[in-house]
């Protein structure tokens, strides 16, 4: 039986940054939806995106609770994070807010740069 290495700890300041990025992504996607879709879709956007973010996790991820309501492989979790964070940045740029979109994308890159041990751990987690 092989044991998987524990997830590297993410510094508190980087977890705080990621939390801010999560909130900014929800706001950005909602603002972008408000300019293009019906009120029902605007209301549904943060609910659906927030649910996806919170539901699909990798067991043992120390940057989260370590629990996983819906366990997924690390690469799937990483793709969810990148799709939501960079998707929000793209949505802001596409809806005429390029400064905010580029700022969000830049901060996501800073977060990822200082999270490389966790990113590599996620990429090494083949099964949920």
N, C-alpha and C. Protein backbone atom coordinates (compact mmCIF):
# COMPACT_ATOMS: atom_id res chain seq x y z
N UNK A 1 0.85 -1.18 0.00
CA UNK A 1 0.00 0.00 0.00
C UNK A 1 0.89 1.24 0.00
N UNK A 2 0.62 2.15 -0.91
CA UNK A 2 1.40 3.38 -0.96
C UNK A 2 0.60 4.50 -0.32
N UNK A 3 1.32 5.36 0.34
CA UNK A 3 0.66 6.52 0.93
C UNK A 3 1.01 7.74 0.10
N UNK A 4 0.06 8.60 -0.03
CA UNK A 4 0.30 9.83 -0.79
C UNK A 4 0.86 10.87 0.16
N UNK A 5 1.78 11.69 -0.33
CA UNK A 5 2.34 12.72 0.54
C UNK A 5 1.27 13.74 0.91
N UNK A 6 1.40 14.34 2.08
CA UNK A 6 0.42 15.36 2.46
C UNK A 6 0.56 16.60 1.59
N UNK A 7 -0.51 17.32 1.49
CA UNK A 7 -0.51 18.57 0.73
C UNK A 7 0.39 19.58 1.42
N UNK A 8 1.27 20.22 0.68
CA UNK A 8 2.11 21.26 1.29
C UNK A 8 1.25 22.39 1.86
N UNK A 9 1.67 22.93 2.96
CA UNK A 9 0.95 24.04 3.57
C UNK A 9 1.06 25.29 2.69
N UNK A 10 -0.04 26.01 2.59
CA UNK A 10 -0.07 27.28 1.87
C UNK A 10 -0.03 28.38 2.93
N UNK A 11 0.87 29.35 2.78
CA UNK A 11 0.98 30.41 3.79
C UNK A 11 -0.35 31.15 3.97
N UNK A 12 -0.56 31.61 5.19
CA UNK A 12 -1.82 32.29 5.52
C UNK A 12 -2.08 33.48 4.60
N UNK A 13 -1.04 34.26 4.31
CA UNK A 13 -1.25 35.44 3.45
C UNK A 13 -1.72 35.03 2.07
N UNK A 14 -1.25 33.85 1.57
CA UNK A 14 -1.66 33.40 0.26
C UNK A 14 -3.08 32.83 0.29
N UNK A 15 -3.44 32.20 1.39
CA UNK A 15 -4.83 31.76 1.55
C UNK A 15 -5.77 32.96 1.60
N UNK A 16 -5.33 34.01 2.26
CA UNK A 16 -6.13 35.24 2.32
C UNK A 16 -6.28 35.85 0.93
N UNK A 17 -5.18 35.88 0.19
CA UNK A 17 -5.24 36.37 -1.19
C UNK A 17 -6.20 35.53 -2.01
N UNK A 18 -6.10 34.21 -1.88
CA UNK A 18 -6.99 33.34 -2.66
C UNK A 18 -8.45 33.56 -2.29
N UNK A 19 -8.72 33.77 -1.01
CA UNK A 19 -10.11 34.05 -0.61
C UNK A 19 -10.60 35.33 -1.29
N UNK A 20 -9.75 36.35 -1.30
CA UNK A 20 -10.12 37.59 -1.99
C UNK A 20 -10.33 37.37 -3.47
N UNK A 21 -9.50 36.52 -4.08
CA UNK A 21 -9.66 36.21 -5.50
C UNK A 21 -10.96 35.46 -5.76
N UNK A 22 -11.31 34.56 -4.85
CA UNK A 22 -12.57 33.83 -4.98
C UNK A 22 -13.76 34.80 -4.96
N UNK A 23 -13.75 35.72 -4.02
CA UNK A 23 -14.83 36.70 -3.93
C UNK A 23 -14.84 37.59 -5.16
N UNK A 24 -13.65 38.05 -5.59
CA UNK A 24 -13.56 38.89 -6.78
C UNK A 24 -14.06 38.15 -8.02
N UNK A 25 -13.78 36.85 -8.11
CA UNK A 25 -14.24 36.07 -9.25
C UNK A 25 -15.77 35.98 -9.25
N UNK A 26 -16.36 35.74 -8.08
CA UNK A 26 -17.82 35.68 -8.00
C UNK A 26 -18.44 37.02 -8.39
N UNK A 27 -17.86 38.10 -7.89
CA UNK A 27 -18.37 39.44 -8.23
C UNK A 27 -18.17 39.71 -9.72
N UNK A 28 -16.97 39.41 -10.22
CA UNK A 28 -16.68 39.66 -11.63
C UNK A 28 -17.59 38.90 -12.56
N UNK A 29 -17.82 37.64 -12.28
CA UNK A 29 -18.71 36.84 -13.13
C UNK A 29 -20.15 37.35 -13.04
N UNK A 30 -20.55 37.76 -11.86
CA UNK A 30 -21.91 38.28 -11.69
C UNK A 30 -22.08 39.61 -12.41
N UNK A 31 -21.09 40.49 -12.29
CA UNK A 31 -21.14 41.78 -12.99
C UNK A 31 -21.18 41.56 -14.50
N UNK A 32 -20.37 40.64 -14.98
CA UNK A 32 -20.36 40.35 -16.41
C UNK A 32 -21.71 39.78 -16.85
N UNK A 33 -22.29 38.91 -16.04
CA UNK A 33 -23.59 38.34 -16.38
C UNK A 33 -24.68 39.40 -16.38
N UNK A 34 -24.55 40.39 -15.49
CA UNK A 34 -25.57 41.44 -15.39
C UNK A 34 -25.68 42.25 -16.67
N UNK A 35 -24.61 42.35 -17.40
CA UNK A 35 -24.64 43.11 -18.64
C UNK A 35 -25.15 42.33 -19.83
N UNK A 36 -25.34 41.03 -19.66
CA UNK A 36 -25.66 40.20 -20.82
C UNK A 36 -26.86 39.27 -20.66
N UNK A 37 -27.23 38.96 -19.43
CA UNK A 37 -28.23 37.92 -19.24
C UNK A 37 -29.42 38.41 -18.42
N UNK A 38 -30.40 37.54 -18.29
CA UNK A 38 -31.60 37.85 -17.52
C UNK A 38 -31.29 37.89 -16.03
N UNK A 39 -32.20 38.46 -15.27
CA UNK A 39 -32.02 38.56 -13.83
C UNK A 39 -31.86 37.19 -13.19
N UNK A 40 -32.57 36.19 -13.68
CA UNK A 40 -32.47 34.85 -13.12
C UNK A 40 -31.05 34.30 -13.28
N UNK A 41 -30.44 34.50 -14.43
CA UNK A 41 -29.08 34.02 -14.64
C UNK A 41 -28.07 34.83 -13.84
N UNK A 42 -28.34 36.10 -13.65
CA UNK A 42 -27.46 36.92 -12.82
C UNK A 42 -27.47 36.42 -11.38
N UNK A 43 -28.64 36.08 -10.88
CA UNK A 43 -28.77 35.56 -9.52
C UNK A 43 -28.15 34.16 -9.43
N UNK A 44 -28.33 33.36 -10.47
CA UNK A 44 -27.81 31.98 -10.46
C UNK A 44 -26.30 31.92 -10.57
N UNK A 45 -25.69 32.89 -11.22
CA UNK A 45 -24.24 32.83 -11.48
C UNK A 45 -23.42 32.63 -10.21
N UNK A 46 -23.52 33.50 -9.19
CA UNK A 46 -22.68 33.28 -8.01
C UNK A 46 -23.07 32.03 -7.23
N UNK A 47 -24.33 31.64 -7.30
CA UNK A 47 -24.76 30.43 -6.59
C UNK A 47 -24.15 29.19 -7.23
N UNK A 48 -24.24 29.09 -8.54
CA UNK A 48 -23.72 27.92 -9.24
C UNK A 48 -22.20 27.88 -9.15
N UNK A 49 -21.54 29.00 -9.41
CA UNK A 49 -20.07 29.02 -9.38
C UNK A 49 -19.56 28.75 -7.96
N UNK A 50 -20.18 29.36 -6.97
CA UNK A 50 -19.77 29.13 -5.58
C UNK A 50 -19.98 27.69 -5.15
N UNK A 51 -21.05 27.08 -5.63
CA UNK A 51 -21.32 25.68 -5.31
C UNK A 51 -20.27 24.77 -5.94
N UNK A 52 -19.94 25.02 -7.19
CA UNK A 52 -18.90 24.23 -7.86
C UNK A 52 -17.58 24.37 -7.10
N UNK A 53 -17.22 25.61 -6.76
CA UNK A 53 -15.96 25.87 -6.05
C UNK A 53 -15.91 25.11 -4.72
N UNK A 54 -17.01 25.12 -3.99
CA UNK A 54 -17.02 24.52 -2.67
C UNK A 54 -17.25 23.03 -2.64
N UNK A 55 -17.86 22.49 -3.67
CA UNK A 55 -18.27 21.10 -3.65
C UNK A 55 -17.17 20.13 -4.10
N UNK A 56 -16.48 20.47 -5.18
CA UNK A 56 -15.51 19.55 -5.77
C UNK A 56 -14.12 19.84 -5.21
N UNK A 57 -13.61 18.92 -4.40
CA UNK A 57 -12.33 19.10 -3.72
C UNK A 57 -11.51 17.82 -3.77
N UNK A 58 -10.24 18.01 -3.44
CA UNK A 58 -9.32 16.88 -3.36
C UNK A 58 -9.16 16.52 -1.88
N UNK A 59 -9.40 15.28 -1.50
CA UNK A 59 -9.21 14.90 -0.10
C UNK A 59 -7.78 15.20 0.36
N UNK A 60 -7.67 15.79 1.53
CA UNK A 60 -6.37 16.08 2.10
C UNK A 60 -5.78 17.42 1.70
N UNK A 61 -6.50 18.21 0.90
CA UNK A 61 -5.99 19.52 0.48
C UNK A 61 -5.95 20.45 1.68
N UNK A 62 -4.76 20.78 2.12
CA UNK A 62 -4.61 21.61 3.32
C UNK A 62 -5.02 23.06 3.09
N UNK A 63 -5.17 23.47 1.84
CA UNK A 63 -5.60 24.84 1.59
C UNK A 63 -7.12 24.96 1.69
N UNK A 64 -7.76 23.84 1.88
CA UNK A 64 -9.20 23.79 2.11
C UNK A 64 -9.39 23.08 3.45
N UNK A 65 -10.51 22.57 3.71
CA UNK A 65 -10.74 21.91 5.00
C UNK A 65 -10.06 20.54 5.08
N UNK A 66 -9.67 20.01 3.94
CA UNK A 66 -9.13 18.65 3.91
C UNK A 66 -10.22 17.64 3.60
N UNK A 67 -11.46 18.04 3.79
CA UNK A 67 -12.60 17.19 3.47
C UNK A 67 -13.03 17.44 2.04
N UNK A 68 -13.72 16.49 1.46
CA UNK A 68 -14.19 16.62 0.09
C UNK A 68 -15.60 16.06 -0.01
N UNK A 69 -16.56 16.96 -0.21
CA UNK A 69 -17.94 16.51 -0.39
C UNK A 69 -18.06 15.67 -1.66
N UNK A 70 -17.42 16.14 -2.72
CA UNK A 70 -17.37 15.42 -4.00
C UNK A 70 -15.89 15.31 -4.37
N UNK A 71 -15.24 14.21 -4.00
CA UNK A 71 -13.82 14.06 -4.29
C UNK A 71 -13.53 14.02 -5.79
N UNK A 72 -12.51 14.75 -6.19
CA UNK A 72 -12.07 14.76 -7.59
C UNK A 72 -10.55 14.65 -7.62
N UNK A 73 -10.00 14.19 -8.75
CA UNK A 73 -8.54 14.19 -8.89
C UNK A 73 -8.00 15.62 -8.84
N UNK A 74 -6.73 15.73 -8.49
CA UNK A 74 -6.12 17.05 -8.34
C UNK A 74 -6.18 17.89 -9.60
N UNK A 75 -5.98 17.27 -10.75
CA UNK A 75 -5.98 18.04 -11.99
C UNK A 75 -7.37 18.62 -12.26
N UNK A 76 -8.42 17.90 -11.88
CA UNK A 76 -9.79 18.41 -12.05
C UNK A 76 -10.00 19.63 -11.15
N UNK A 77 -9.55 19.54 -9.90
CA UNK A 77 -9.69 20.67 -8.98
C UNK A 77 -8.91 21.88 -9.50
N UNK A 78 -7.71 21.65 -9.99
CA UNK A 78 -6.91 22.74 -10.52
C UNK A 78 -7.61 23.38 -11.72
N UNK A 79 -8.19 22.58 -12.59
CA UNK A 79 -8.90 23.12 -13.76
C UNK A 79 -10.13 23.93 -13.33
N UNK A 80 -10.81 23.48 -12.29
CA UNK A 80 -11.96 24.25 -11.77
C UNK A 80 -11.48 25.61 -11.29
N UNK A 81 -10.41 25.61 -10.49
CA UNK A 81 -9.89 26.88 -9.97
C UNK A 81 -9.46 27.81 -11.08
N UNK A 82 -8.71 27.29 -12.05
CA UNK A 82 -8.23 28.13 -13.14
C UNK A 82 -9.37 28.63 -14.02
N UNK A 83 -10.34 27.77 -14.28
CA UNK A 83 -11.47 28.18 -15.13
C UNK A 83 -12.27 29.31 -14.47
N UNK A 84 -12.50 29.19 -13.17
CA UNK A 84 -13.29 30.22 -12.48
C UNK A 84 -12.50 31.51 -12.36
N UNK A 85 -11.25 31.42 -11.90
CA UNK A 85 -10.48 32.64 -11.67
C UNK A 85 -10.13 33.36 -12.97
N UNK A 86 -9.58 32.64 -13.94
CA UNK A 86 -9.24 33.29 -15.21
C UNK A 86 -10.49 33.57 -16.04
N UNK A 87 -11.53 32.75 -15.87
CA UNK A 87 -12.80 33.04 -16.55
C UNK A 87 -13.40 34.35 -16.10
N UNK A 88 -13.29 34.64 -14.81
CA UNK A 88 -13.79 35.91 -14.29
C UNK A 88 -12.96 37.06 -14.84
N UNK A 89 -11.65 36.88 -14.91
CA UNK A 89 -10.78 37.93 -15.46
C UNK A 89 -11.15 38.20 -16.92
N UNK A 90 -11.31 37.12 -17.69
CA UNK A 90 -11.70 37.28 -19.09
C UNK A 90 -13.07 37.95 -19.22
N UNK A 91 -14.01 37.56 -18.37
CA UNK A 91 -15.36 38.14 -18.42
C UNK A 91 -15.32 39.63 -18.14
N UNK A 92 -14.47 40.04 -17.21
CA UNK A 92 -14.36 41.47 -16.92
C UNK A 92 -13.78 42.23 -18.11
N UNK A 93 -12.75 41.68 -18.73
CA UNK A 93 -12.17 42.32 -19.91
C UNK A 93 -13.20 42.38 -21.03
N UNK A 94 -13.91 41.28 -21.25
CA UNK A 94 -14.89 41.20 -22.34
C UNK A 94 -16.07 42.13 -22.15
N UNK A 95 -16.34 42.53 -20.91
CA UNK A 95 -17.49 43.41 -20.66
C UNK A 95 -17.05 44.86 -20.42
N UNK A 96 -15.86 45.20 -20.90
CA UNK A 96 -15.44 46.60 -20.86
C UNK A 96 -14.76 47.04 -19.57
N UNK A 97 -14.26 46.10 -18.80
CA UNK A 97 -13.55 46.43 -17.56
C UNK A 97 -12.14 45.82 -17.60
N UNK A 98 -11.34 46.23 -18.60
CA UNK A 98 -10.04 45.58 -18.79
C UNK A 98 -9.08 45.78 -17.62
N UNK A 99 -9.11 46.93 -16.98
CA UNK A 99 -8.20 47.15 -15.86
C UNK A 99 -8.48 46.15 -14.74
N UNK A 100 -9.76 45.94 -14.42
CA UNK A 100 -10.13 45.02 -13.36
C UNK A 100 -9.82 43.58 -13.75
N UNK A 101 -10.08 43.24 -15.00
CA UNK A 101 -9.78 41.88 -15.47
C UNK A 101 -8.30 41.57 -15.45
N UNK A 102 -7.49 42.53 -15.90
CA UNK A 102 -6.04 42.31 -15.90
C UNK A 102 -5.49 42.29 -14.48
N UNK A 103 -6.03 43.12 -13.61
CA UNK A 103 -5.61 43.09 -12.21
C UNK A 103 -5.93 41.73 -11.58
N UNK A 104 -7.13 41.24 -11.83
CA UNK A 104 -7.51 39.93 -11.30
C UNK A 104 -6.59 38.84 -11.84
N UNK A 105 -6.34 38.84 -13.15
CA UNK A 105 -5.46 37.83 -13.75
C UNK A 105 -4.05 37.93 -13.17
N UNK A 106 -3.55 39.13 -12.98
CA UNK A 106 -2.22 39.30 -12.41
C UNK A 106 -2.13 38.77 -10.99
N UNK A 107 -3.15 39.05 -10.19
CA UNK A 107 -3.15 38.54 -8.82
C UNK A 107 -3.29 37.03 -8.76
N UNK A 108 -4.02 36.46 -9.72
CA UNK A 108 -4.12 35.00 -9.79
C UNK A 108 -2.74 34.41 -10.08
N UNK A 109 -2.00 35.04 -10.98
CA UNK A 109 -0.65 34.56 -11.29
C UNK A 109 0.27 34.66 -10.08
N UNK A 110 0.15 35.74 -9.31
CA UNK A 110 0.94 35.87 -8.08
C UNK A 110 0.58 34.73 -7.12
N UNK A 111 -0.71 34.52 -6.94
CA UNK A 111 -1.17 33.43 -6.06
C UNK A 111 -0.60 32.09 -6.51
N UNK A 112 -0.68 31.80 -7.81
CA UNK A 112 -0.19 30.52 -8.32
C UNK A 112 1.32 30.39 -8.16
N UNK A 113 2.03 31.48 -8.38
CA UNK A 113 3.50 31.44 -8.26
C UNK A 113 3.92 31.05 -6.85
N UNK A 114 3.19 31.54 -5.86
CA UNK A 114 3.53 31.23 -4.47
C UNK A 114 2.82 29.97 -3.97
N UNK A 115 2.07 29.31 -4.86
CA UNK A 115 1.37 28.08 -4.51
C UNK A 115 1.89 26.88 -5.30
N UNK A 116 3.05 27.01 -5.90
CA UNK A 116 3.55 25.93 -6.76
C UNK A 116 3.68 24.57 -6.06
N UNK A 117 4.11 24.51 -4.80
CA UNK A 117 4.13 23.18 -4.16
C UNK A 117 2.74 22.53 -4.13
N UNK A 118 1.71 23.32 -3.84
CA UNK A 118 0.34 22.79 -3.84
C UNK A 118 -0.09 22.42 -5.25
N UNK A 119 0.22 23.25 -6.24
CA UNK A 119 -0.14 22.97 -7.63
C UNK A 119 0.49 21.65 -8.07
N UNK A 120 1.76 21.47 -7.76
CA UNK A 120 2.44 20.22 -8.12
C UNK A 120 1.83 19.03 -7.37
N UNK A 121 1.43 19.24 -6.12
CA UNK A 121 0.77 18.18 -5.36
C UNK A 121 -0.56 17.82 -6.03
N UNK A 122 -1.33 18.83 -6.43
CA UNK A 122 -2.59 18.57 -7.12
C UNK A 122 -2.37 17.78 -8.40
N UNK A 123 -1.35 18.16 -9.16
CA UNK A 123 -1.08 17.47 -10.43
C UNK A 123 -0.65 16.02 -10.19
N UNK A 124 -0.10 15.74 -9.03
CA UNK A 124 0.29 14.38 -8.70
C UNK A 124 -0.82 13.53 -8.13
N UNK A 125 -1.96 14.13 -7.81
CA UNK A 125 -3.11 13.40 -7.24
C UNK A 125 -3.96 12.87 -8.38
N UNK A 126 -3.75 11.62 -8.74
CA UNK A 126 -4.44 11.03 -9.88
C UNK A 126 -5.88 10.63 -9.59
N UNK A 127 -6.13 10.14 -8.39
CA UNK A 127 -7.48 9.69 -8.07
C UNK A 127 -8.01 10.46 -6.89
N UNK A 128 -9.31 10.46 -6.79
CA UNK A 128 -9.95 11.22 -5.71
C UNK A 128 -10.09 10.37 -4.47
